[in-house]
């Protein structure tokens, strides 16, 4: 099984090198290709990526920032693996846990595996209560509308069979792509699994980008992709 790890990046000069090194180390354990999309960074991230070509297989550079969704879609045009894993470029998620995500594929022939920050006994940095409530509400509404018992629909670790992902015809350019992926996959005849993962969340001062307004957009997108798309 070949795994395509796609890394959408925007202004992550303090983290991108460490992320690339950690993901690259997983090549010792799994058959992995690493594809990076820089989404118009202006803080020096581009130079770091270009100076470390040995740490990835392909890099794509967008001239302007369009959003996480746009960066993910750019990567999808180049993946060759059997499964795709989205890896954020900020080290909130630990690449050493790829083995946990891959286990349901090897053991149960899973087609989709979500890494849940709220399942199991893995370490989780304690941060924003409002963000946790918002995630719980979004996950609850998605679960009700899809009749699939999700615990963390906004997780940054989504491992998806490539053939399934490429059929979704993704449209979102922003963080809304997380909900679009979930709602569209829920309409397919797919086997879903969740595994507990650790989470070292960042503060806004440390560079966290998702905002409360993104949660409002996500709520709208749940109903949009359930009933109108």
C-alpha atoms as a PDB file:
ATOM      1  CA  UNK A   1       0.000   0.000   0.000  1.00  0.00           C
ATOM      2  CA  UNK A   2       1.358   3.390  -1.017  1.00  0.00           C
ATOM      3  CA  UNK A   3       0.447   6.483   0.994  1.00  0.00           C
ATOM      4  CA  UNK A   4       0.377  10.000  -0.440  1.00  0.00           C
ATOM      5  CA  UNK A   5       0.907  12.582   2.308  1.00  0.00           C
ATOM      6  CA  UNK A   6      -0.217  16.011   1.174  1.00  0.00           C
ATOM      7  CA  UNK A   7       0.900  19.058   3.139  1.00  0.00           C
ATOM      8  CA  UNK A   8      -0.932  22.354   2.543  1.00  0.00           C
ATOM      9  CA  UNK A   9       1.222  25.245   3.773  1.00  0.00           C
ATOM     10  CA  UNK A  10       0.666  28.942   4.393  1.00  0.00           C
ATOM     11  CA  UNK A  11       3.093  31.114   6.357  1.00  0.00           C
ATOM     12  CA  UNK A  12       4.596  28.352   8.489  1.00  0.00           C
ATOM     13  CA  UNK A  13       8.293  29.297   8.527  1.00  0.00           C
ATOM     14  CA  UNK A  14       8.604  28.280  12.188  1.00  0.00           C
ATOM     15  CA  UNK A  15       7.195  24.784  11.674  1.00  0.00           C
ATOM     16  CA  UNK A  16       7.474  23.599   8.070  1.00  0.00           C
ATOM     17  CA  UNK A  17      11.020  22.238   8.306  1.00  0.00           C
ATOM     18  CA  UNK A  18      10.245  20.218  11.435  1.00  0.00           C
ATOM     19  CA  UNK A  19       7.076  18.865   9.815  1.00  0.00           C
ATOM     20  CA  UNK A  20       8.907  17.821   6.660  1.00  0.00           C
ATOM     21  CA  UNK A  21      11.592  16.060   8.694  1.00  0.00           C
ATOM     22  CA  UNK A  22       9.050  14.186  10.806  1.00  0.00           C
ATOM     23  CA  UNK A  23       6.982  13.102   7.805  1.00  0.00           C
ATOM     24  CA  UNK A  24      10.107  12.098   5.879  1.00  0.00           C
ATOM     25  CA  UNK A  25      11.123   9.779   8.722  1.00  0.00           C
ATOM     26  CA  UNK A  26       7.938   7.788   8.127  1.00  0.00           C
ATOM     27  CA  UNK A  27       9.452   6.597   4.840  1.00  0.00           C
ATOM     28  CA  UNK A  28      11.510   4.175   6.935  1.00  0.00           C
ATOM     29  CA  UNK A  29       8.275   2.443   7.934  1.00  0.00           C
ATOM     30  CA  UNK A  30       5.864   2.927   5.024  1.00  0.00           C
ATOM     31  CA  UNK A  31       5.786   3.446   1.266  1.00  0.00           C
ATOM     32  CA  UNK A  32       5.141   7.209   1.249  1.00  0.00           C
ATOM     33  CA  UNK A  33       5.232  10.060  -1.221  1.00  0.00           C
ATOM     34  CA  UNK A  34       5.228  13.608   0.145  1.00  0.00           C
ATOM     35  CA  UNK A  35       3.581  16.426  -1.789  1.00  0.00           C
ATOM     36  CA  UNK A  36       3.724  20.006  -0.500  1.00  0.00           C
ATOM     37  CA  UNK A  37       1.569  22.892  -1.683  1.00  0.00           C
ATOM     38  CA  UNK A  38       2.570  26.360  -0.580  1.00  0.00           C
ATOM     39  CA  UNK A  39      -0.495  28.566  -0.780  1.00  0.00           C
ATOM     40  CA  UNK A  40       1.129  31.943  -1.404  1.00  0.00           C
ATOM     41  CA  UNK A  41       3.293  32.247   1.735  1.00  0.00           C
ATOM     42  CA  UNK A  42       5.019  35.591   2.238  1.00  0.00           C
ATOM     43  CA  UNK A  43       6.982  34.927   5.442  1.00  0.00           C
ATOM     44  CA  UNK A  44       9.942  32.947   4.104  1.00  0.00           C
ATOM     45  CA  UNK A  45       8.262  29.540   4.061  1.00  0.00           C
ATOM     46  CA  UNK A  46       8.820  29.201   0.311  1.00  0.00           C
ATOM     47  CA  UNK A  47      12.580  29.555   0.663  1.00  0.00           C
ATOM     48  CA  UNK A  48      12.694  26.903   3.381  1.00  0.00           C
ATOM     49  CA  UNK A  49      10.760  24.478   1.195  1.00  0.00           C
ATOM     50  CA  UNK A  50      12.959  25.115  -1.838  1.00  0.00           C
ATOM     51  CA  UNK A  51      16.122  24.695   0.237  1.00  0.00           C
ATOM     52  CA  UNK A  52      15.058  21.250   1.491  1.00  0.00           C
ATOM     53  CA  UNK A  53      14.065  19.375  -1.648  1.00  0.00           C
ATOM     54  CA  UNK A  54      15.437  16.137  -0.215  1.00  0.00           C
ATOM     55  CA  UNK A  55      12.594  16.071   2.320  1.00  0.00           C
ATOM     56  CA  UNK A  56       9.694  15.740  -0.148  1.00  0.00           C
ATOM     57  CA  UNK A  57       8.840  14.289  -3.543  1.00  0.00           C
ATOM     58  CA  UNK A  58       7.016  17.201  -5.117  1.00  0.00           C
ATOM     59  CA  UNK A  59       6.288  20.828  -4.288  1.00  0.00           C
ATOM     60  CA  UNK A  60       3.685  23.145  -5.781  1.00  0.00           C
ATOM     61  CA  UNK A  61       3.843  26.902  -5.314  1.00  0.00           C
ATOM     62  CA  UNK A  62       0.740  29.055  -5.674  1.00  0.00           C
ATOM     63  CA  UNK A  63       1.320  32.733  -6.360  1.00  0.00           C
ATOM     64  CA  UNK A  64      -1.536  33.918  -4.144  1.00  0.00           C
ATOM     65  CA  UNK A  65      -3.222  32.645  -1.015  1.00  0.00           C
ATOM     66  CA  UNK A  66      -6.576  31.006  -1.748  1.00  0.00           C
ATOM     67  CA  UNK A  67      -7.096  28.799   1.304  1.00  0.00           C
ATOM     68  CA  UNK A  68      -6.504  25.305   2.642  1.00  0.00           C
ATOM     69  CA  UNK A  69      -9.053  23.767   0.313  1.00  0.00           C
ATOM     70  CA  UNK A  70      -7.346  25.196  -2.730  1.00  0.00           C
ATOM     71  CA  UNK A  71      -3.983  23.859  -1.581  1.00  0.00           C
ATOM     72  CA  UNK A  72      -5.413  20.379  -0.985  1.00  0.00           C
ATOM     73  CA  UNK A  73      -7.019  20.292  -4.420  1.00  0.00           C
ATOM     74  CA  UNK A  74      -3.725  21.280  -6.034  1.00  0.00           C
ATOM     75  CA  UNK A  75      -2.044  18.289  -4.386  1.00  0.00           C
ATOM     76  CA  UNK A  76      -4.739  15.872  -5.507  1.00  0.00           C
ATOM     77  CA  UNK A  77      -3.759  16.423  -9.116  1.00  0.00           C
ATOM     78  CA  UNK A  78      -0.385  14.827  -8.389  1.00  0.00           C
ATOM     79  CA  UNK A  79      -0.973  11.972  -5.929  1.00  0.00           C
ATOM     80  CA  UNK A  80      -0.102   8.426  -6.978  1.00  0.00           C
ATOM     81  CA  UNK A  81      -0.726   6.590  -3.700  1.00  0.00           C
ATOM     82  CA  UNK A  82      -3.539   4.184  -2.855  1.00  0.00           C
ATOM     83  CA  UNK A  83      -4.525   6.383   0.090  1.00  0.00           C
ATOM     84  CA  UNK A  84      -4.234  10.110   0.765  1.00  0.00           C
ATOM     85  CA  UNK A  85      -3.433  11.583   4.171  1.00  0.00           C
ATOM     86  CA  UNK A  86      -3.762  15.308   4.858  1.00  0.00           C
ATOM     87  CA  UNK A  87      -0.964  16.583   7.103  1.00  0.00           C
ATOM     88  CA  UNK A  88      -1.171  20.138   8.428  1.00  0.00           C
ATOM     89  CA  UNK A  89       2.118  22.028   8.449  1.00  0.00           C
ATOM     90  CA  UNK A  90       2.045  23.188  12.062  1.00  0.00           C
ATOM     91  CA  UNK A  91       2.880  20.093  14.153  1.00  0.00           C
ATOM     92  CA  UNK A  92      -0.491  20.085  15.910  1.00  0.00           C
ATOM     93  CA  UNK A  93      -0.675  16.498  14.620  1.00  0.00           C
ATOM     94  CA  UNK A  94       2.142  13.996  15.113  1.00  0.00           C
ATOM     95  CA  UNK A  95       3.380  12.025  12.065  1.00  0.00           C
ATOM     96  CA  UNK A  96       4.660   9.313  14.408  1.00  0.00           C
ATOM     97  CA  UNK A  97       1.001   8.269  14.706  1.00  0.00           C
ATOM     98  CA  UNK A  98       0.611   7.313  11.037  1.00  0.00           C
ATOM     99  CA  UNK A  99       0.833   3.702  12.177  1.00  0.00           C
ATOM    100  CA  UNK A 100      -2.360   4.172  14.207  1.00  0.00           C
ATOM    101  CA  UNK A 101      -4.207   5.642  11.239  1.00  0.00           C
ATOM    102  CA  UNK A 102      -3.038   2.912   8.879  1.00  0.00           C
ATOM    103  CA  UNK A 103      -3.901   0.030  11.246  1.00  0.00           C
ATOM    104  CA  UNK A 104      -7.658  -0.107  10.372  1.00  0.00           C
ATOM    105  CA  UNK A 105      -6.731  -0.331   6.680  1.00  0.00           C
ATOM    106  CA  UNK A 106      -4.410  -3.269   7.255  1.00  0.00           C
ATOM    107  CA  UNK A 107      -6.663  -4.995   9.800  1.00  0.00           C
ATOM    108  CA  UNK A 108     -10.160  -4.251   8.498  1.00  0.00           C
ATOM    109  CA  UNK A 109      -9.729  -3.001   4.925  1.00  0.00           C
ATOM    110  CA  UNK A 110     -11.000   0.439   5.954  1.00  0.00           C
ATOM    111  CA  UNK A 111     -11.527   2.971   3.193  1.00  0.00           C
ATOM    112  CA  UNK A 112     -11.626   6.095   5.386  1.00  0.00           C
ATOM    113  CA  UNK A 113      -9.896   6.663   8.724  1.00  0.00           C
ATOM    114  CA  UNK A 114     -10.289   9.834  10.767  1.00  0.00           C
ATOM    115  CA  UNK A 115      -7.902  10.645  13.580  1.00  0.00           C
ATOM    116  CA  UNK A 116     -10.069  11.795  16.476  1.00  0.00           C
ATOM    117  CA  UNK A 117      -8.688  14.189  19.066  1.00  0.00           C
ATOM    118  CA  UNK A 118     -11.476  13.210  21.450  1.00  0.00           C
ATOM    119  CA  UNK A 119     -11.265   9.425  21.324  1.00  0.00           C
ATOM    120  CA  UNK A 120      -8.928   7.315  23.401  1.00  0.00           C
ATOM    121  CA  UNK A 121      -6.259   8.233  25.927  1.00  0.00           C
ATOM    122  CA  UNK A 122      -3.794  10.211  23.820  1.00  0.00           C
ATOM    123  CA  UNK A 123      -2.360  13.520  25.117  1.00  0.00           C
ATOM    124  CA  UNK A 124      -4.312  16.635  24.153  1.00  0.00           C
ATOM    125  CA  UNK A 125      -3.173  20.155  24.866  1.00  0.00           C
ATOM    126  CA  UNK A 126      -5.895  21.957  26.841  1.00  0.00           C
ATOM    127  CA  UNK A 127      -6.820  25.192  25.085  1.00  0.00           C
ATOM    128  CA  UNK A 128      -9.938  26.979  23.881  1.00  0.00           C
ATOM    129  CA  UNK A 129     -13.267  25.857  25.370  1.00  0.00           C
ATOM    130  CA  UNK A 130     -15.292  27.620  22.664  1.00  0.00           C
ATOM    131  CA  UNK A 131     -13.427  25.741  19.941  1.00  0.00           C
ATOM    132  CA  UNK A 132     -14.149  22.430  21.673  1.00  0.00           C
ATOM    133  CA  UNK A 133     -17.851  23.236  21.992  1.00  0.00           C
ATOM    134  CA  UNK A 134     -18.029  24.336  18.369  1.00  0.00           C
ATOM    135  CA  UNK A 135     -16.370  21.118  17.226  1.00  0.00           C
ATOM    136  CA  UNK A 136     -18.730  19.044  19.363  1.00  0.00           C
ATOM    137  CA  UNK A 137     -21.782  20.812  17.931  1.00  0.00           C
ATOM    138  CA  UNK A 138     -20.572  20.439  14.347  1.00  0.00           C
ATOM    139  CA  UNK A 139     -19.755  16.761  14.853  1.00  0.00           C
ATOM    140  CA  UNK A 140     -23.136  16.154  16.492  1.00  0.00           C
ATOM    141  CA  UNK A 141     -25.077  17.797  13.658  1.00  0.00           C
ATOM    142  CA  UNK A 142     -23.091  15.898  11.024  1.00  0.00           C
ATOM    143  CA  UNK A 143     -23.711  12.642  12.885  1.00  0.00           C
ATOM    144  CA  UNK A 144     -27.446  13.296  13.075  1.00  0.00           C
ATOM    145  CA  UNK A 145     -27.743  14.207   9.397  1.00  0.00           C
ATOM    146  CA  UNK A 146     -25.572  11.350   8.118  1.00  0.00           C
ATOM    147  CA  UNK A 147     -26.424   8.694  10.724  1.00  0.00           C
ATOM    148  CA  UNK A 148     -22.687   8.087  11.138  1.00  0.00           C
ATOM    149  CA  UNK A 149     -21.295   8.417  14.641  1.00  0.00           C
ATOM    150  CA  UNK A 150     -18.459  10.915  14.141  1.00  0.00           C
ATOM    151  CA  UNK A 151     -16.606  12.333  17.126  1.00  0.00           C
ATOM    152  CA  UNK A 152     -14.331  14.827  15.336  1.00  0.00           C
ATOM    153  CA  UNK A 153     -15.379  15.978  11.857  1.00  0.00           C
ATOM    154  CA  UNK A 154     -12.944  18.906  11.882  1.00  0.00           C
ATOM    155  CA  UNK A 155      -9.903  16.730  12.496  1.00  0.00           C
ATOM    156  CA  UNK A 156      -6.838  17.580  10.458  1.00  0.00           C
ATOM    157  CA  UNK A 157      -5.980  13.879  10.071  1.00  0.00           C
ATOM    158  CA  UNK A 158      -8.167  12.384   7.367  1.00  0.00           C
ATOM    159  CA  UNK A 159      -6.842   9.241   5.664  1.00  0.00           C
ATOM    160  CA  UNK A 160      -8.921   8.452   2.588  1.00  0.00           C
ATOM    161  CA  UNK A 161      -8.751   5.922  -0.220  1.00  0.00           C
ATOM    162  CA  UNK A 162      -7.565   7.884  -3.248  1.00  0.00           C
ATOM    163  CA  UNK A 163     -10.194   6.520  -5.616  1.00  0.00           C
ATOM    164  CA  UNK A 164     -12.928   7.685  -3.218  1.00  0.00           C
ATOM    165  CA  UNK A 165     -11.417  11.120  -2.684  1.00  0.00           C
ATOM    166  CA  UNK A 166     -10.939  11.869  -6.366  1.00  0.00           C
ATOM    167  CA  UNK A 167     -14.600  11.138  -7.075  1.00  0.00           C
ATOM    168  CA  UNK A 168     -15.807  13.869  -4.713  1.00  0.00           C
ATOM    169  CA  UNK A 169     -15.270  16.779  -7.136  1.00  0.00           C
ATOM    170  CA  UNK A 170     -14.188  19.086  -4.319  1.00  0.00           C
ATOM    171  CA  UNK A 171     -15.124  22.772  -4.626  1.00  0.00           C
ATOM    172  CA  UNK A 172     -14.194  24.525  -1.376  1.00  0.00           C
ATOM    173  CA  UNK A 173     -11.110  26.747  -1.268  1.00  0.00           C
ATOM    174  CA  UNK A 174     -11.129  27.525   2.454  1.00  0.00           C
ATOM    175  CA  UNK A 175     -11.332  25.520   5.691  1.00  0.00           C
ATOM    176  CA  UNK A 176     -14.822  24.589   4.515  1.00  0.00           C
ATOM    177  CA  UNK A 177     -13.235  21.719   2.617  1.00  0.00           C
ATOM    178  CA  UNK A 178     -13.105  19.721   5.863  1.00  0.00           C
ATOM    179  CA  UNK A 179     -16.907  19.628   6.030  1.00  0.00           C
ATOM    180  CA  UNK A 180     -17.269  19.169   2.274  1.00  0.00           C
ATOM    181  CA  UNK A 181     -15.071  16.059   2.430  1.00  0.00           C
ATOM    182  CA  UNK A 182     -17.030  14.575   5.343  1.00  0.00           C
ATOM    183  CA  UNK A 183     -20.487  15.265   3.935  1.00  0.00           C
ATOM    184  CA  UNK A 184     -19.650  13.998   0.463  1.00  0.00           C
ATOM    185  CA  UNK A 185     -17.926  10.866   1.749  1.00  0.00           C
ATOM    186  CA  UNK A 186     -20.950  10.168   3.964  1.00  0.00           C
ATOM    187  CA  UNK A 187     -23.038   9.844   0.795  1.00  0.00           C
ATOM    188  CA  UNK A 188     -20.779   7.080  -0.532  1.00  0.00           C
ATOM    189  CA  UNK A 189     -20.897   3.427   0.365  1.00  0.00           C
ATOM    190  CA  UNK A 190     -17.673   3.502   2.372  1.00  0.00           C
ATOM    191  CA  UNK A 191     -16.287   1.925   5.523  1.00  0.00           C
ATOM    192  CA  UNK A 192     -15.420   4.608   8.096  1.00  0.00           C
ATOM    193  CA  UNK A 193     -13.132   4.175  11.089  1.00  0.00           C
ATOM    194  CA  UNK A 194     -11.879   6.524  13.791  1.00  0.00           C
ATOM    195  CA  UNK A 195      -8.732   6.170  15.883  1.00  0.00           C
ATOM    196  CA  UNK A 196      -7.607   8.232  18.841  1.00  0.00           C
ATOM    197  CA  UNK A 197      -4.726  10.627  18.189  1.00  0.00           C
ATOM    198  CA  UNK A 198      -2.759  13.112  20.254  1.00  0.00           C
ATOM    199  CA  UNK A 199      -3.182  16.822  19.658  1.00  0.00           C
ATOM    200  CA  UNK A 200      -0.779  19.647  20.415  1.00  0.00           C
ATOM    201  CA  UNK A 201      -2.960  22.610  19.504  1.00  0.00           C
ATOM    202  CA  UNK A 202      -1.525  26.064  18.969  1.00  0.00           C
ATOM    203  CA  UNK A 203      -2.679  29.350  20.407  1.00  0.00           C
ATOM    204  CA  UNK A 204      -3.531  32.229  18.072  1.00  0.00           C
ATOM    205  CA  UNK A 205      -0.310  33.889  19.199  1.00  0.00           C
ATOM    206  CA  UNK A 206       1.582  30.800  18.036  1.00  0.00           C
ATOM    207  CA  UNK A 207      -0.009  30.970  14.602  1.00  0.00           C
ATOM    208  CA  UNK A 208      -3.348  29.160  14.805  1.00  0.00           C
ATOM    209  CA  UNK A 209      -5.374  30.244  11.771  1.00  0.00           C
ATOM    210  CA  UNK A 210      -8.893  28.859  12.090  1.00  0.00           C
ATOM    211  CA  UNK A 211     -11.346  31.356  13.625  1.00  0.00           C
ATOM    212  CA  UNK A 212     -14.855  31.363  15.072  1.00  0.00           C
ATOM    213  CA  UNK A 213     -16.145  32.656  11.740  1.00  0.00           C
ATOM    214  CA  UNK A 214     -14.853  29.449  10.119  1.00  0.00           C
ATOM    215  CA  UNK A 215     -17.132  27.528  12.474  1.00  0.00           C
ATOM    216  CA  UNK A 216     -20.149  29.516  11.284  1.00  0.00           C
ATOM    217  CA  UNK A 217     -19.204  28.773   7.679  1.00  0.00           C
ATOM    218  CA  UNK A 218     -18.781  25.091   8.547  1.00  0.00           C
ATOM    219  CA  UNK A 219     -22.288  24.988  10.038  1.00  0.00           C
ATOM    220  CA  UNK A 220     -23.736  26.420   6.837  1.00  0.00           C
ATOM    221  CA  UNK A 221     -21.717  23.986   4.712  1.00  0.00           C
ATOM    222  CA  UNK A 222     -23.080  20.986   6.616  1.00  0.00           C
ATOM    223  CA  UNK A 223     -26.622  21.762   5.501  1.00  0.00           C
ATOM    224  CA  UNK A 224     -25.538  22.906   2.052  1.00  0.00           C
ATOM    225  CA  UNK A 225     -23.735  19.648   1.240  1.00  0.00           C
ATOM    226  CA  UNK A 226     -26.443  17.552   2.853  1.00  0.00           C
ATOM    227  CA  UNK A 227     -29.421  19.000   1.030  1.00  0.00           C
ATOM    228  CA  UNK A 228     -28.234  21.036  -1.962  1.00  0.00           C
ATOM    229  CA  UNK A 229     -25.109  19.365  -3.323  1.00  0.00           C
END
